[in-house]
């Protein structure tokens, strides 16, 4: 794993820890990105809606890499995305690397 990427990723997690009170895992970060992009403020979410928020997070993270493209929002304000190209077969370590890079890019833009 790229040492610089890991340091930048850990720095982001440390900053989030200050706000959350505990260091988040990657799923939590993806969820938080989804909530940010949903932009609906505090609301109770069903389990299905939480999964959809995580999907928003993943789509937002992978859009700059050409995997998804935003389609707009529905009548309830939820963003929707179109799959543009298939993710290549990645092992767990490669998936982690891609998501860490995407998270670092998201928070540094």
N, C-alpha and C. Protein backbone atom coordinates (compact mmCIF):
# COMPACT_ATOMS: atom_id res chain seq x y z
N UNK A 1 0.86 -1.18 0.00
CA UNK A 1 0.00 0.00 0.00
C UNK A 1 0.89 1.23 0.00
N UNK A 2 0.48 2.22 -0.70
CA UNK A 2 1.18 3.49 -0.82
C UNK A 2 1.20 4.20 0.54
N UNK A 3 2.39 4.44 1.07
CA UNK A 3 2.54 5.03 2.40
C UNK A 3 1.94 6.43 2.46
N UNK A 4 2.17 7.24 1.43
CA UNK A 4 1.62 8.61 1.42
C UNK A 4 0.09 8.58 1.44
N UNK A 5 -0.49 7.70 0.63
CA UNK A 5 -1.95 7.57 0.61
C UNK A 5 -2.47 7.17 1.98
N UNK A 6 -1.83 6.20 2.60
CA UNK A 6 -2.27 5.73 3.91
C UNK A 6 -2.18 6.85 4.95
N UNK A 7 -1.13 7.64 4.90
CA UNK A 7 -0.99 8.76 5.84
C UNK A 7 -2.09 9.81 5.62
N UNK A 8 -2.38 10.11 4.37
CA UNK A 8 -3.43 11.08 4.07
C UNK A 8 -4.81 10.56 4.51
N UNK A 9 -5.03 9.27 4.27
CA UNK A 9 -6.29 8.64 4.68
C UNK A 9 -6.44 8.67 6.20
N UNK A 10 -5.38 8.31 6.91
CA UNK A 10 -5.43 8.32 8.37
C UNK A 10 -5.64 9.73 8.92
N UNK A 11 -5.09 10.72 8.24
CA UNK A 11 -5.30 12.12 8.64
C UNK A 11 -6.79 12.49 8.53
N UNK A 12 -7.42 12.06 7.46
CA UNK A 12 -8.86 12.31 7.28
C UNK A 12 -9.65 11.62 8.39
N UNK A 13 -9.30 10.36 8.68
CA UNK A 13 -10.00 9.64 9.75
C UNK A 13 -9.81 10.34 11.09
N UNK A 14 -8.63 10.87 11.35
CA UNK A 14 -8.37 11.59 12.61
C UNK A 14 -9.21 12.85 12.69
N UNK A 15 -9.34 13.55 11.58
CA UNK A 15 -10.19 14.75 11.57
C UNK A 15 -11.66 14.40 11.81
N UNK A 16 -12.12 13.32 11.20
CA UNK A 16 -13.50 12.88 11.41
C UNK A 16 -13.71 12.42 12.85
N UNK A 17 -12.69 11.81 13.42
CA UNK A 17 -12.78 11.35 14.81
C UNK A 17 -13.05 12.52 15.76
N UNK A 18 -12.48 13.67 15.47
CA UNK A 18 -12.71 14.86 16.31
C UNK A 18 -14.19 15.23 16.33
N UNK A 19 -14.86 15.07 15.19
CA UNK A 19 -16.29 15.41 15.11
C UNK A 19 -17.19 14.30 15.64
N UNK A 20 -16.77 13.06 15.42
CA UNK A 20 -17.63 11.91 15.76
C UNK A 20 -17.39 11.35 17.15
N UNK A 21 -16.21 11.63 17.71
CA UNK A 21 -15.89 11.09 19.02
C UNK A 21 -15.23 9.72 18.97
N UNK A 22 -15.17 9.12 17.80
CA UNK A 22 -14.46 7.85 17.61
C UNK A 22 -14.01 7.79 16.16
N UNK A 23 -12.96 7.02 15.95
CA UNK A 23 -12.41 6.90 14.59
C UNK A 23 -13.35 6.05 13.74
N UNK A 24 -13.81 6.58 12.62
CA UNK A 24 -14.75 5.83 11.78
C UNK A 24 -14.04 4.77 10.94
N UNK A 25 -14.77 3.72 10.60
CA UNK A 25 -14.25 2.75 9.64
C UNK A 25 -14.64 3.21 8.24
N UNK A 26 -14.20 2.49 7.23
CA UNK A 26 -14.44 2.90 5.86
C UNK A 26 -15.94 2.96 5.53
N UNK A 27 -16.71 2.00 6.02
CA UNK A 27 -18.15 2.02 5.75
C UNK A 27 -18.80 3.26 6.33
N UNK A 28 -18.37 3.67 7.50
CA UNK A 28 -18.91 4.87 8.12
C UNK A 28 -18.56 6.10 7.29
N UNK A 29 -17.35 6.16 6.79
CA UNK A 29 -16.94 7.30 5.96
C UNK A 29 -17.78 7.34 4.68
N UNK A 30 -17.99 6.19 4.06
CA UNK A 30 -18.81 6.14 2.84
C UNK A 30 -20.24 6.58 3.16
N UNK A 31 -20.77 6.14 4.29
CA UNK A 31 -22.10 6.57 4.71
C UNK A 31 -22.15 8.08 4.91
N UNK A 32 -21.15 8.64 5.59
CA UNK A 32 -21.11 10.08 5.83
C UNK A 32 -21.05 10.87 4.53
N UNK A 33 -20.30 10.38 3.56
CA UNK A 33 -20.24 11.03 2.26
C UNK A 33 -21.62 10.99 1.60
N UNK A 34 -22.28 9.84 1.69
CA UNK A 34 -23.64 9.71 1.15
C UNK A 34 -24.61 10.67 1.80
N UNK A 35 -24.53 10.81 3.12
CA UNK A 35 -25.40 11.74 3.84
C UNK A 35 -25.12 13.17 3.39
N UNK A 36 -23.84 13.51 3.26
CA UNK A 36 -23.45 14.84 2.81
C UNK A 36 -24.02 15.13 1.42
N UNK A 37 -23.91 14.17 0.53
CA UNK A 37 -24.37 14.35 -0.84
C UNK A 37 -25.90 14.34 -0.93
N UNK A 38 -26.55 13.61 -0.05
CA UNK A 38 -28.01 13.60 -0.01
C UNK A 38 -28.53 14.98 0.37
N UNK A 39 -27.82 15.63 1.30
CA UNK A 39 -28.08 17.02 1.66
C UNK A 39 -29.52 17.24 2.14
N UNK A 40 -29.97 16.39 3.04
CA UNK A 40 -31.34 16.52 3.55
C UNK A 40 -31.37 16.80 5.05
N UNK A 41 -30.21 17.03 5.66
CA UNK A 41 -30.19 17.29 7.09
C UNK A 41 -30.49 16.03 7.88
N UNK A 42 -30.73 16.21 9.17
CA UNK A 42 -30.99 15.05 10.03
C UNK A 42 -32.36 14.47 9.72
N UNK A 43 -32.39 13.18 9.59
CA UNK A 43 -33.66 12.46 9.44
C UNK A 43 -33.44 11.00 9.80
N UNK A 44 -34.50 10.36 10.24
CA UNK A 44 -34.42 8.93 10.53
C UNK A 44 -34.45 8.19 9.20
N UNK A 45 -33.61 7.18 9.09
CA UNK A 45 -33.54 6.40 7.87
C UNK A 45 -33.81 4.94 8.18
N UNK A 46 -34.54 4.30 7.28
CA UNK A 46 -34.74 2.85 7.41
C UNK A 46 -33.44 2.15 7.03
N UNK A 47 -33.38 0.86 7.30
CA UNK A 47 -32.20 0.09 6.94
C UNK A 47 -31.96 0.17 5.43
N UNK A 48 -33.02 0.07 4.65
CA UNK A 48 -32.91 0.15 3.18
C UNK A 48 -32.40 1.53 2.77
N UNK A 49 -32.90 2.58 3.39
CA UNK A 49 -32.45 3.93 3.06
C UNK A 49 -30.98 4.12 3.42
N UNK A 50 -30.54 3.52 4.52
CA UNK A 50 -29.12 3.61 4.90
C UNK A 50 -28.25 2.95 3.83
N UNK A 51 -28.70 1.82 3.30
CA UNK A 51 -27.96 1.16 2.22
C UNK A 51 -27.93 2.04 0.97
N UNK A 52 -29.05 2.70 0.70
CA UNK A 52 -29.11 3.60 -0.46
C UNK A 52 -28.19 4.80 -0.27
N UNK A 53 -28.08 5.30 0.96
CA UNK A 53 -27.17 6.41 1.26
C UNK A 53 -25.72 5.95 1.04
N UNK A 54 -25.40 4.73 1.43
CA UNK A 54 -24.06 4.20 1.19
C UNK A 54 -23.80 4.06 -0.31
N UNK A 55 -24.82 3.66 -1.05
CA UNK A 55 -24.69 3.54 -2.51
C UNK A 55 -24.40 4.93 -3.11
N UNK A 56 -25.07 5.95 -2.61
CA UNK A 56 -24.80 7.32 -3.06
C UNK A 56 -23.33 7.65 -2.80
N UNK A 57 -22.86 7.33 -1.60
CA UNK A 57 -21.46 7.58 -1.26
C UNK A 57 -20.50 6.90 -2.22
N UNK A 58 -20.75 5.64 -2.52
CA UNK A 58 -19.88 4.90 -3.44
C UNK A 58 -19.93 5.52 -4.83
N UNK A 59 -21.12 5.85 -5.30
CA UNK A 59 -21.25 6.45 -6.63
C UNK A 59 -20.52 7.79 -6.72
N UNK A 60 -20.65 8.61 -5.70
CA UNK A 60 -19.96 9.90 -5.67
C UNK A 60 -18.46 9.68 -5.68
N UNK A 61 -17.98 8.73 -4.88
CA UNK A 61 -16.55 8.47 -4.81
C UNK A 61 -15.99 7.94 -6.13
N UNK A 62 -16.75 7.13 -6.82
CA UNK A 62 -16.23 6.50 -8.04
C UNK A 62 -16.57 7.27 -9.32
N UNK A 63 -17.39 8.30 -9.22
CA UNK A 63 -17.72 9.11 -10.40
C UNK A 63 -16.49 9.76 -11.04
N UNK A 64 -15.56 10.33 -10.26
CA UNK A 64 -14.39 10.94 -10.90
C UNK A 64 -13.52 9.94 -11.68
N UNK A 65 -13.68 8.67 -11.39
CA UNK A 65 -12.91 7.64 -12.08
C UNK A 65 -13.66 7.10 -13.30
N UNK A 66 -14.83 7.67 -13.58
CA UNK A 66 -15.58 7.29 -14.76
C UNK A 66 -16.50 6.09 -14.61
N UNK A 67 -16.66 5.60 -13.38
CA UNK A 67 -17.51 4.43 -13.19
C UNK A 67 -18.99 4.78 -13.09
N UNK A 68 -19.29 5.97 -12.61
CA UNK A 68 -20.68 6.43 -12.49
C UNK A 68 -20.79 7.86 -12.99
N UNK A 69 -22.00 8.20 -13.40
CA UNK A 69 -22.28 9.56 -13.83
C UNK A 69 -23.59 10.00 -13.18
N UNK A 70 -23.64 11.21 -12.61
CA UNK A 70 -24.88 11.66 -11.98
C UNK A 70 -25.98 11.86 -13.02
N UNK A 71 -27.19 11.43 -12.67
CA UNK A 71 -28.36 11.60 -13.53
C UNK A 71 -29.25 12.75 -13.07
N UNK A 72 -29.09 13.17 -11.81
CA UNK A 72 -29.97 14.18 -11.24
C UNK A 72 -30.65 13.63 -10.01
N UNK A 73 -31.65 14.37 -9.56
CA UNK A 73 -32.36 13.98 -8.34
C UNK A 73 -33.82 13.66 -8.67
N UNK A 74 -34.39 12.76 -7.87
CA UNK A 74 -35.80 12.43 -8.04
C UNK A 74 -36.67 13.45 -7.32
N UNK A 75 -37.97 13.25 -7.33
CA UNK A 75 -38.91 14.20 -6.73
C UNK A 75 -38.73 14.35 -5.23
N UNK A 76 -38.09 13.37 -4.58
CA UNK A 76 -37.84 13.44 -3.14
C UNK A 76 -36.44 13.99 -2.84
N UNK A 77 -35.70 14.35 -3.88
CA UNK A 77 -34.38 14.94 -3.69
C UNK A 77 -33.23 13.95 -3.60
N UNK A 78 -33.49 12.68 -3.86
CA UNK A 78 -32.42 11.68 -3.79
C UNK A 78 -31.66 11.67 -5.12
N UNK A 79 -30.32 11.74 -5.05
CA UNK A 79 -29.53 11.70 -6.28
C UNK A 79 -29.51 10.29 -6.88
N UNK A 80 -29.46 10.26 -8.20
CA UNK A 80 -29.38 8.98 -8.92
C UNK A 80 -28.19 9.02 -9.87
N UNK A 81 -27.64 7.85 -10.13
CA UNK A 81 -26.44 7.72 -10.93
C UNK A 81 -26.62 6.65 -11.98
N UNK A 82 -25.87 6.80 -13.06
CA UNK A 82 -25.85 5.81 -14.12
C UNK A 82 -24.48 5.14 -14.10
N UNK A 83 -24.49 3.83 -14.19
CA UNK A 83 -23.23 3.09 -14.28
C UNK A 83 -22.66 3.31 -15.68
N UNK A 84 -21.42 3.79 -15.76
CA UNK A 84 -20.81 4.10 -17.05
C UNK A 84 -19.89 2.99 -17.54
N UNK A 85 -19.19 2.38 -16.61
CA UNK A 85 -18.33 1.25 -16.97
C UNK A 85 -18.20 0.34 -15.77
N UNK A 86 -17.95 -0.92 -16.07
CA UNK A 86 -17.84 -1.92 -15.01
C UNK A 86 -16.52 -1.79 -14.28
N UNK A 87 -16.57 -1.98 -12.99
CA UNK A 87 -15.34 -2.02 -12.21
C UNK A 87 -14.55 -3.26 -12.63
N UNK A 88 -13.24 -3.13 -12.76
CA UNK A 88 -12.46 -4.32 -13.08
C UNK A 88 -12.45 -5.27 -11.88
N UNK A 89 -12.16 -6.53 -12.11
CA UNK A 89 -12.09 -7.45 -10.98
C UNK A 89 -10.96 -7.01 -10.04
N UNK A 90 -11.32 -6.75 -8.80
CA UNK A 90 -10.35 -6.30 -7.80
C UNK A 90 -10.40 -7.21 -6.59
N UNK A 91 -9.23 -7.53 -6.04
CA UNK A 91 -9.23 -8.28 -4.79
C UNK A 91 -9.50 -7.30 -3.65
N UNK A 92 -9.66 -7.79 -2.45
CA UNK A 92 -10.01 -6.94 -1.31
C UNK A 92 -9.03 -5.81 -1.08
N UNK A 93 -7.75 -6.10 -1.24
CA UNK A 93 -6.72 -5.07 -1.02
C UNK A 93 -6.81 -3.98 -2.09
N UNK A 94 -7.06 -4.37 -3.33
CA UNK A 94 -7.19 -3.40 -4.41
C UNK A 94 -8.44 -2.54 -4.23
N UNK A 95 -9.53 -3.16 -3.76
CA UNK A 95 -10.76 -2.40 -3.49
C UNK A 95 -10.50 -1.36 -2.41
N UNK A 96 -9.82 -1.78 -1.34
CA UNK A 96 -9.49 -0.87 -0.25
C UNK A 96 -8.66 0.31 -0.76
N UNK A 97 -7.67 0.01 -1.59
CA UNK A 97 -6.81 1.04 -2.12
C UNK A 97 -7.61 2.05 -2.96
N UNK A 98 -8.45 1.54 -3.85
CA UNK A 98 -9.27 2.41 -4.70
C UNK A 98 -10.17 3.31 -3.86
N UNK A 99 -10.84 2.72 -2.87
CA UNK A 99 -11.74 3.50 -2.02
C UNK A 99 -10.98 4.51 -1.16
N UNK A 100 -9.84 4.12 -0.64
CA UNK A 100 -9.04 5.07 0.14
C UNK A 100 -8.61 6.25 -0.72
N UNK A 101 -8.16 5.95 -1.95
CA UNK A 101 -7.75 7.01 -2.86
C UNK A 101 -8.93 7.93 -3.17
N UNK A 102 -10.10 7.34 -3.42
CA UNK A 102 -11.29 8.12 -3.73
C UNK A 102 -11.72 8.97 -2.54
N UNK A 103 -11.61 8.44 -1.33
CA UNK A 103 -11.96 9.20 -0.12
C UNK A 103 -10.99 10.36 0.07
N UNK A 104 -9.71 10.11 -0.11
CA UNK A 104 -8.71 11.19 0.01
C UNK A 104 -9.01 12.26 -1.03
N UNK A 105 -9.28 11.85 -2.25
CA UNK A 105 -9.61 12.83 -3.31
C UNK A 105 -10.86 13.63 -2.94
N UNK A 106 -11.88 12.96 -2.41
CA UNK A 106 -13.13 13.62 -2.04
C UNK A 106 -12.89 14.70 -0.99
N UNK A 107 -12.11 14.39 0.01
CA UNK A 107 -11.91 15.33 1.11
C UNK A 107 -10.86 16.39 0.81
N UNK A 108 -10.08 16.22 -0.24
CA UNK A 108 -9.07 17.22 -0.56
C UNK A 108 -9.50 18.13 -1.70
N UNK A 109 -10.65 17.87 -2.30
CA UNK A 109 -11.13 18.74 -3.37
C UNK A 109 -11.99 19.84 -2.82
